Amino acid sequence: MSFDPRSLDRLRELGRQLPKPLPEPDVPVTPKARQVRHKVETEQNPEKLFRELMQVSEDGTVPEHLMARLKMLEVERSSSAKAAVVDASKFGSQLPPPPVSQGGKGKSTRPNRPDVAPGSEEESLYIAFGQMFHEMLEEDGDDV
């Protein structure tokens, strides 16, 4: 590229007028990794991270990179939980069998009626209590 002599002189004059670069500061610059970071950047627990994200967000929106970090932490937690279950199942064959209950039956959700003689006063009281109980439940709006 060629310049005419007048333009070349003008450029040299302008070059002499340019500001000099500023001297380097004497304060050492610490790397960003050592700077104090917000909990959103350092939290490893997905539940706590979610709470921090909601506190920081003004309108409930979260940037993509922070959502990706939250998902990654949740996946890591679920995979470590699955690994713990697998490890426990390896040792499960070495555990003794659970104790057998005396009756041999499991728990039932139906109430057992007491052994009372038919037509006795105890039976009539038991029936009356049951009817009264069901009437109270119906008044409250609960179904049995």
N, C-alpha and C. Protein backbone atom coordinates (compact mmCIF):
# COMPACT_ATOMS: atom_id res chain seq x y z
N MET A 1 0.84 -1.15 0.00
CA MET A 1 0.00 0.00 0.00
C MET A 1 0.91 1.24 0.00
N SER A 2 0.57 2.18 -0.79
CA SER A 2 1.43 3.37 -0.87
C SER A 2 0.63 4.61 -0.49
N PHE A 3 1.33 5.56 0.14
CA PHE A 3 0.72 6.81 0.55
C PHE A 3 1.43 7.94 -0.17
N ASP A 4 0.69 8.99 -0.38
CA ASP A 4 1.36 10.17 -0.92
C ASP A 4 2.15 10.81 0.22
N PRO A 5 3.20 11.58 -0.07
CA PRO A 5 4.07 12.11 0.98
C PRO A 5 3.34 12.96 2.01
N ARG A 6 2.33 13.69 1.59
CA ARG A 6 1.63 14.53 2.54
C ARG A 6 0.84 13.68 3.56
N SER A 7 0.18 12.61 3.10
CA SER A 7 -0.57 11.73 4.00
C SER A 7 0.38 10.98 4.94
N LEU A 8 1.52 10.59 4.43
CA LEU A 8 2.50 9.88 5.25
C LEU A 8 3.01 10.78 6.36
N ASP A 9 3.26 12.03 6.07
CA ASP A 9 3.69 12.97 7.11
C ASP A 9 2.59 13.17 8.16
N ARG A 10 1.38 13.26 7.71
CA ARG A 10 0.26 13.45 8.63
C ARG A 10 0.13 12.24 9.57
N LEU A 11 0.27 11.04 9.04
CA LEU A 11 0.20 9.83 9.87
C LEU A 11 1.32 9.81 10.90
N ARG A 12 2.49 10.24 10.53
CA ARG A 12 3.61 10.26 11.48
C ARG A 12 3.34 11.26 12.61
N GLU A 13 2.74 12.39 12.30
CA GLU A 13 2.40 13.37 13.32
C GLU A 13 1.36 12.81 14.29
N LEU A 14 0.37 12.16 13.75
CA LEU A 14 -0.66 11.57 14.60
C LEU A 14 -0.07 10.47 15.47
N GLY A 15 0.85 9.70 14.91
CA GLY A 15 1.48 8.64 15.68
C GLY A 15 2.25 9.17 16.86
N ARG A 16 2.83 10.36 16.73
CA ARG A 16 3.56 10.97 17.84
C ARG A 16 2.61 11.47 18.92
N GLN A 17 1.35 11.73 18.57
CA GLN A 17 0.40 12.27 19.52
C GLN A 17 -0.40 11.18 20.25
N LEU A 18 -0.24 9.94 19.85
CA LEU A 18 -0.98 8.86 20.51
C LEU A 18 -0.54 8.74 21.97
N PRO A 19 -1.48 8.39 22.87
CA PRO A 19 -1.10 8.26 24.28
C PRO A 19 -0.19 7.05 24.48
N LYS A 20 0.64 7.18 25.46
CA LYS A 20 1.54 6.08 25.81
C LYS A 20 0.76 5.04 26.60
N PRO A 21 1.13 3.77 26.52
CA PRO A 21 0.43 2.74 27.30
C PRO A 21 0.64 2.97 28.79
N LEU A 22 -0.39 2.66 29.57
CA LEU A 22 -0.34 2.84 31.01
C LEU A 22 0.61 1.81 31.62
N PRO A 23 1.28 2.20 32.70
CA PRO A 23 2.17 1.24 33.35
C PRO A 23 1.34 0.13 34.03
N GLU A 24 1.92 -1.04 34.16
CA GLU A 24 1.25 -2.18 34.80
C GLU A 24 1.03 -1.89 36.28
N PRO A 25 -0.11 -2.30 36.83
CA PRO A 25 -0.35 -2.05 38.26
C PRO A 25 0.58 -2.92 39.12
N ASP A 26 0.91 -2.39 40.30
CA ASP A 26 1.80 -3.11 41.20
C ASP A 26 1.07 -4.19 41.99
N VAL A 27 -0.27 -4.12 42.05
CA VAL A 27 -1.05 -5.09 42.81
C VAL A 27 -1.11 -6.41 42.04
N PRO A 28 -0.72 -7.51 42.68
CA PRO A 28 -0.79 -8.78 41.96
C PRO A 28 -2.25 -9.19 41.76
N VAL A 29 -2.54 -9.70 40.60
CA VAL A 29 -3.90 -10.13 40.27
C VAL A 29 -4.03 -11.59 40.67
N THR A 30 -5.04 -11.87 41.52
CA THR A 30 -5.26 -13.25 41.94
C THR A 30 -6.10 -13.97 40.89
N PRO A 31 -5.85 -15.24 40.69
CA PRO A 31 -6.65 -15.97 39.71
C PRO A 31 -8.11 -16.06 40.16
N LYS A 32 -9.01 -16.20 39.21
CA LYS A 32 -10.43 -16.23 39.52
C LYS A 32 -10.81 -17.43 40.37
N ALA A 33 -10.09 -18.51 40.25
CA ALA A 33 -10.43 -19.71 41.01
C ALA A 33 -10.28 -19.49 42.51
N ARG A 34 -9.46 -18.55 42.90
CA ARG A 34 -9.25 -18.30 44.33
C ARG A 34 -10.16 -17.22 44.88
N GLN A 35 -10.89 -16.55 44.01
CA GLN A 35 -11.80 -15.52 44.48
C GLN A 35 -13.00 -16.17 45.16
N VAL A 36 -13.60 -15.44 46.05
CA VAL A 36 -14.77 -15.95 46.75
C VAL A 36 -15.91 -16.05 45.75
N ARG A 37 -16.57 -17.22 45.74
CA ARG A 37 -17.66 -17.45 44.80
C ARG A 37 -18.98 -17.51 45.54
N HIS A 38 -20.04 -17.31 44.79
CA HIS A 38 -21.39 -17.39 45.34
C HIS A 38 -21.76 -18.86 45.55
N LYS A 39 -22.69 -19.11 46.49
CA LYS A 39 -23.11 -20.48 46.77
C LYS A 39 -23.69 -21.17 45.54
N VAL A 40 -24.27 -20.40 44.62
CA VAL A 40 -24.83 -20.97 43.40
C VAL A 40 -23.74 -21.67 42.59
N GLU A 41 -22.52 -21.17 42.68
CA GLU A 41 -21.41 -21.75 41.93
C GLU A 41 -20.72 -22.88 42.67
N THR A 42 -20.86 -22.93 44.00
CA THR A 42 -20.09 -23.91 44.77
C THR A 42 -20.93 -25.02 45.39
N GLU A 43 -22.23 -24.84 45.50
CA GLU A 43 -23.09 -25.81 46.20
C GLU A 43 -23.12 -27.15 45.47
N GLN A 44 -22.98 -28.26 46.23
CA GLN A 44 -22.96 -29.59 45.65
C GLN A 44 -24.25 -30.38 45.92
N ASN A 45 -25.06 -29.90 46.85
CA ASN A 45 -26.32 -30.57 47.19
C ASN A 45 -27.41 -30.01 46.27
N PRO A 46 -28.08 -30.86 45.46
CA PRO A 46 -29.08 -30.34 44.52
C PRO A 46 -30.23 -29.59 45.19
N GLU A 47 -30.68 -30.07 46.37
CA GLU A 47 -31.78 -29.38 47.04
C GLU A 47 -31.37 -27.99 47.49
N LYS A 48 -30.18 -27.88 48.07
CA LYS A 48 -29.70 -26.57 48.53
C LYS A 48 -29.43 -25.64 47.34
N LEU A 49 -28.89 -26.22 46.25
CA LEU A 49 -28.64 -25.42 45.06
C LEU A 49 -29.94 -24.86 44.51
N PHE A 50 -30.99 -25.69 44.48
CA PHE A 50 -32.28 -25.22 43.99
C PHE A 50 -32.79 -24.05 44.84
N ARG A 51 -32.67 -24.18 46.17
CA ARG A 51 -33.11 -23.09 47.06
C ARG A 51 -32.32 -21.81 46.79
N GLU A 52 -31.00 -21.95 46.61
CA GLU A 52 -30.17 -20.78 46.33
C GLU A 52 -30.57 -20.14 45.00
N LEU A 53 -30.84 -20.96 44.00
CA LEU A 53 -31.23 -20.43 42.69
C LEU A 53 -32.54 -19.64 42.81
N MET A 54 -33.47 -20.15 43.59
CA MET A 54 -34.75 -19.45 43.74
C MET A 54 -34.59 -18.16 44.53
N GLN A 55 -33.66 -18.13 45.48
CA GLN A 55 -33.42 -16.90 46.24
C GLN A 55 -32.75 -15.84 45.37
N VAL A 56 -31.85 -16.27 44.51
CA VAL A 56 -31.11 -15.33 43.68
C VAL A 56 -31.98 -14.79 42.55
N SER A 57 -32.85 -15.63 42.01
CA SER A 57 -33.66 -15.25 40.86
C SER A 57 -34.77 -14.30 41.28
N GLU A 58 -34.90 -13.21 40.55
CA GLU A 58 -35.94 -12.23 40.86
C GLU A 58 -37.31 -12.69 40.37
N ASP A 59 -37.34 -13.31 39.18
CA ASP A 59 -38.62 -13.69 38.59
C ASP A 59 -38.80 -15.20 38.44
N GLY A 60 -37.91 -15.98 39.04
CA GLY A 60 -38.04 -17.44 38.99
C GLY A 60 -37.35 -18.07 37.80
N THR A 61 -36.74 -17.28 36.94
CA THR A 61 -36.02 -17.86 35.79
C THR A 61 -34.58 -18.14 36.20
N VAL A 62 -34.04 -19.21 35.60
CA VAL A 62 -32.68 -19.62 35.93
C VAL A 62 -31.92 -19.77 34.61
N PRO A 63 -30.69 -19.25 34.52
CA PRO A 63 -29.91 -19.39 33.29
C PRO A 63 -29.65 -20.86 32.95
N GLU A 64 -29.49 -21.10 31.66
CA GLU A 64 -29.30 -22.47 31.16
C GLU A 64 -28.13 -23.19 31.82
N HIS A 65 -26.99 -22.51 31.98
CA HIS A 65 -25.81 -23.19 32.52
C HIS A 65 -26.02 -23.61 33.97
N LEU A 66 -26.81 -22.84 34.73
CA LEU A 66 -27.08 -23.21 36.11
C LEU A 66 -28.10 -24.34 36.19
N MET A 67 -29.07 -24.36 35.27
CA MET A 67 -30.02 -25.49 35.22
C MET A 67 -29.28 -26.76 34.84
N ALA A 68 -28.34 -26.67 33.91
CA ALA A 68 -27.56 -27.84 33.51
C ALA A 68 -26.74 -28.35 34.70
N ARG A 69 -26.20 -27.45 35.48
CA ARG A 69 -25.43 -27.84 36.67
C ARG A 69 -26.32 -28.54 37.69
N LEU A 70 -27.52 -28.01 37.90
CA LEU A 70 -28.47 -28.61 38.83
C LEU A 70 -28.84 -30.02 38.38
N LYS A 71 -29.13 -30.19 37.10
CA LYS A 71 -29.49 -31.51 36.56
C LYS A 71 -28.33 -32.48 36.72
N MET A 72 -27.11 -32.00 36.47
CA MET A 72 -25.93 -32.86 36.60
C MET A 72 -25.77 -33.35 38.04
N LEU A 73 -25.97 -32.45 39.01
CA LEU A 73 -25.85 -32.83 40.42
C LEU A 73 -26.93 -33.84 40.81
N GLU A 74 -28.16 -33.66 40.27
CA GLU A 74 -29.22 -34.61 40.56
C GLU A 74 -28.92 -35.98 39.99
N VAL A 75 -28.36 -36.02 38.77
CA VAL A 75 -28.01 -37.30 38.15
C VAL A 75 -26.91 -37.98 38.94
N GLU A 76 -25.92 -37.21 39.37
CA GLU A 76 -24.83 -37.78 40.17
C GLU A 76 -25.36 -38.36 41.47
N ARG A 77 -26.27 -37.63 42.11
CA ARG A 77 -26.82 -38.11 43.39
C ARG A 77 -27.64 -39.38 43.18
N SER A 78 -28.45 -39.43 42.13
CA SER A 78 -29.27 -40.62 41.91
C SER A 78 -28.41 -41.81 41.52
N SER A 79 -27.35 -41.58 40.74
CA SER A 79 -26.49 -42.70 40.37
C SER A 79 -25.70 -43.21 41.57
N SER A 80 -25.30 -42.30 42.47
CA SER A 80 -24.59 -42.76 43.66
C SER A 80 -25.53 -43.50 44.60
N ALA A 81 -26.81 -43.09 44.65
CA ALA A 81 -27.79 -43.79 45.47
C ALA A 81 -28.05 -45.19 44.91
N LYS A 82 -28.13 -45.30 43.58
CA LYS A 82 -28.33 -46.61 42.97
C LYS A 82 -27.13 -47.51 43.22
N ALA A 83 -25.94 -46.93 43.17
CA ALA A 83 -24.73 -47.72 43.43
C ALA A 83 -24.73 -48.23 44.86
N ALA A 84 -25.22 -47.42 45.79
CA ALA A 84 -25.28 -47.85 47.19
C ALA A 84 -26.27 -49.00 47.36
N VAL A 85 -27.38 -48.96 46.63
CA VAL A 85 -28.35 -50.05 46.69
C VAL A 85 -27.75 -51.32 46.13
N VAL A 86 -27.02 -51.19 45.02
CA VAL A 86 -26.38 -52.36 44.41
C VAL A 86 -25.35 -52.95 45.36
N ASP A 87 -24.56 -52.09 46.02
CA ASP A 87 -23.57 -52.57 46.99
C ASP A 87 -24.26 -53.29 48.14
N ALA A 88 -25.37 -52.74 48.61
CA ALA A 88 -26.09 -53.37 49.71
C ALA A 88 -26.66 -54.72 49.29
N SER A 89 -27.10 -54.83 48.03
CA SER A 89 -27.66 -56.10 47.58
C SER A 89 -26.58 -57.17 47.46
N LYS A 90 -25.34 -56.76 47.22
CA LYS A 90 -24.25 -57.73 47.18
C LYS A 90 -24.06 -58.39 48.53
N PHE A 91 -24.24 -57.57 49.60
CA PHE A 91 -24.06 -58.08 50.94
C PHE A 91 -25.34 -58.67 51.51
N GLY A 92 -26.45 -58.48 50.82
CA GLY A 92 -27.73 -58.97 51.30
C GLY A 92 -27.76 -60.49 51.42
N SER A 93 -27.04 -61.19 50.57
CA SER A 93 -27.04 -62.65 50.62
C SER A 93 -26.30 -63.15 51.86
N GLN A 94 -25.47 -62.31 52.47
CA GLN A 94 -24.72 -62.71 53.65
C GLN A 94 -25.50 -62.44 54.94
N LEU A 95 -26.61 -61.68 54.85
CA LEU A 95 -27.39 -61.36 56.03
C LEU A 95 -28.27 -62.54 56.42
N PRO A 96 -28.55 -62.69 57.70
CA PRO A 96 -29.45 -63.77 58.13
C PRO A 96 -30.87 -63.46 57.67
N PRO A 97 -31.72 -64.48 57.53
CA PRO A 97 -33.10 -64.23 57.10
C PRO A 97 -33.86 -63.48 58.18
N PRO A 98 -34.88 -62.72 57.80
CA PRO A 98 -35.64 -61.98 58.81
C PRO A 98 -36.38 -62.94 59.72
N PRO A 99 -36.64 -62.52 60.96
CA PRO A 99 -37.32 -63.41 61.90
C PRO A 99 -38.74 -63.70 61.46
N VAL A 100 -39.20 -64.92 61.74
CA VAL A 100 -40.55 -65.33 61.39
C VAL A 100 -41.46 -65.03 62.57
N SER A 101 -42.62 -64.41 62.29
CA SER A 101 -43.52 -64.06 63.38
C SER A 101 -44.16 -65.32 63.96
N GLN A 102 -44.63 -65.20 65.18
CA GLN A 102 -45.19 -66.35 65.89
C GLN A 102 -46.47 -66.85 65.23
N GLY A 103 -47.35 -65.94 64.85
CA GLY A 103 -48.64 -66.34 64.31
C GLY A 103 -48.56 -66.85 62.89
N GLY A 104 -47.53 -66.49 62.17
CA GLY A 104 -47.38 -66.92 60.79
C GLY A 104 -48.17 -66.05 59.83
N LYS A 105 -49.05 -65.19 60.32
CA LYS A 105 -49.84 -64.31 59.46
C LYS A 105 -49.23 -62.91 59.49
N GLY A 106 -49.49 -62.17 58.44
CA GLY A 106 -49.08 -60.78 58.42
C GLY A 106 -50.14 -59.94 59.11
N LYS A 107 -49.88 -58.66 59.21
CA LYS A 107 -50.84 -57.76 59.83
C LYS A 107 -52.02 -57.60 58.90
N SER A 108 -53.19 -57.54 59.46
CA SER A 108 -54.36 -57.30 58.63
C SER A 108 -54.92 -55.93 58.96
N THR A 109 -55.60 -55.36 58.00
CA THR A 109 -56.17 -54.04 58.23
C THR A 109 -57.58 -54.14 58.79
N ARG A 110 -58.16 -55.32 58.80
CA ARG A 110 -59.51 -55.51 59.34
C ARG A 110 -59.41 -55.72 60.85
N PRO A 111 -60.28 -55.07 61.57
CA PRO A 111 -60.26 -55.29 63.03
C PRO A 111 -60.78 -56.68 63.36
N ASN A 112 -60.19 -57.27 64.34
CA ASN A 112 -60.66 -58.58 64.81
C ASN A 112 -61.75 -58.35 65.85
N ARG A 113 -62.87 -59.01 65.64
CA ARG A 113 -63.95 -58.91 66.62
C ARG A 113 -63.59 -59.74 67.84
N PRO A 114 -63.88 -59.23 68.97
CA PRO A 114 -63.56 -60.00 70.19
C PRO A 114 -64.46 -61.23 70.27
N ASP A 115 -63.94 -62.24 70.92
CA ASP A 115 -64.72 -63.46 71.12
C ASP A 115 -65.71 -63.22 72.25
N VAL A 116 -66.95 -62.92 71.89
CA VAL A 116 -68.00 -62.70 72.88
C VAL A 116 -69.15 -63.64 72.55
N ALA A 117 -69.87 -63.98 73.53
CA ALA A 117 -71.00 -64.88 73.34
C ALA A 117 -72.11 -64.15 72.60
N PRO A 118 -72.72 -64.79 71.59
CA PRO A 118 -73.80 -64.14 70.85
C PRO A 118 -74.97 -63.84 71.78
N GLY A 119 -75.52 -62.61 71.63
CA GLY A 119 -76.65 -62.19 72.44
C GLY A 119 -76.26 -61.66 73.80
N SER A 120 -74.98 -61.63 74.12
CA SER A 120 -74.56 -61.16 75.44
C SER A 120 -74.55 -59.63 75.47
N GLU A 121 -74.42 -59.10 76.67
CA GLU A 121 -74.38 -57.65 76.84
C GLU A 121 -73.13 -57.06 76.17
N GLU A 122 -72.00 -57.78 76.24
CA GLU A 122 -70.76 -57.30 75.60
C GLU A 122 -70.96 -57.14 74.10
N GLU A 123 -71.62 -58.11 73.48
CA GLU A 123 -71.83 -58.04 72.03
C GLU A 123 -72.71 -56.85 71.68
N SER A 124 -73.76 -56.62 72.45
CA SER A 124 -74.66 -55.50 72.14
C SER A 124 -73.93 -54.16 72.32
N LEU A 125 -73.08 -54.08 73.35
CA LEU A 125 -72.29 -52.85 73.53
C LEU A 125 -71.31 -52.63 72.38
N TYR A 126 -70.69 -53.73 71.94
CA TYR A 126 -69.73 -53.64 70.84
C TYR A 126 -70.43 -53.17 69.57
N ILE A 127 -71.62 -53.71 69.29
CA ILE A 127 -72.38 -53.33 68.10
C ILE A 127 -72.82 -51.87 68.21
N ALA A 128 -73.28 -51.48 69.39
CA ALA A 128 -73.73 -50.09 69.58
C ALA A 128 -72.57 -49.11 69.39
N PHE A 129 -71.40 -49.46 69.90
CA PHE A 129 -70.23 -48.59 69.74
C PHE A 129 -69.87 -48.46 68.26
N GLY A 130 -69.88 -49.58 67.54
CA GLY A 130 -69.56 -49.55 66.11
C GLY A 130 -70.51 -48.67 65.33
N GLN A 131 -71.82 -48.76 65.63
CA GLN A 131 -72.80 -47.93 64.94
C GLN A 131 -72.59 -46.45 65.26
N MET A 132 -72.34 -46.15 66.52
CA MET A 132 -72.11 -44.77 66.92
C MET A 132 -70.85 -44.21 66.25
N PHE A 133 -69.83 -45.03 66.18
CA PHE A 133 -68.58 -44.61 65.54
C PHE A 133 -68.81 -44.28 64.07
N HIS A 134 -69.54 -45.14 63.35
CA HIS A 134 -69.80 -44.90 61.92
C HIS A 134 -70.68 -43.68 61.72
N GLU A 135 -71.62 -43.43 62.63
CA GLU A 135 -72.45 -42.23 62.52
C GLU A 135 -71.62 -40.97 62.70
N MET A 136 -70.65 -41.00 63.61
CA MET A 136 -69.77 -39.85 63.83
C MET A 136 -68.92 -39.59 62.58
N LEU A 137 -68.44 -40.65 61.98
CA LEU A 137 -67.64 -40.48 60.77
C LEU A 137 -68.46 -39.90 59.64
N GLU A 138 -69.71 -40.34 59.51
CA GLU A 138 -70.57 -39.81 58.46
C GLU A 138 -70.86 -38.32 58.66
N GLU A 139 -71.01 -37.91 59.93
CA GLU A 139 -71.23 -36.50 60.22
C GLU A 139 -70.02 -35.66 59.85
N ASP A 140 -68.83 -36.20 60.06
CA ASP A 140 -67.59 -35.48 59.72
C ASP A 140 -67.32 -35.50 58.23
N GLY A 141 -67.99 -36.36 57.51
CA GLY A 141 -67.78 -36.45 56.06
C GLY A 141 -66.73 -37.46 55.69
N ASP A 142 -66.24 -38.25 56.62
CA ASP A 142 -65.25 -39.28 56.33
C ASP A 142 -65.96 -40.55 55.93
N ASP A 143 -65.36 -41.28 55.01
CA ASP A 143 -65.89 -42.59 54.64
C ASP A 143 -65.02 -43.66 55.21
N VAL A 144 -65.62 -44.73 55.64
CA VAL A 144 -64.84 -45.84 56.23
C VAL A 144 -64.51 -46.83 55.17
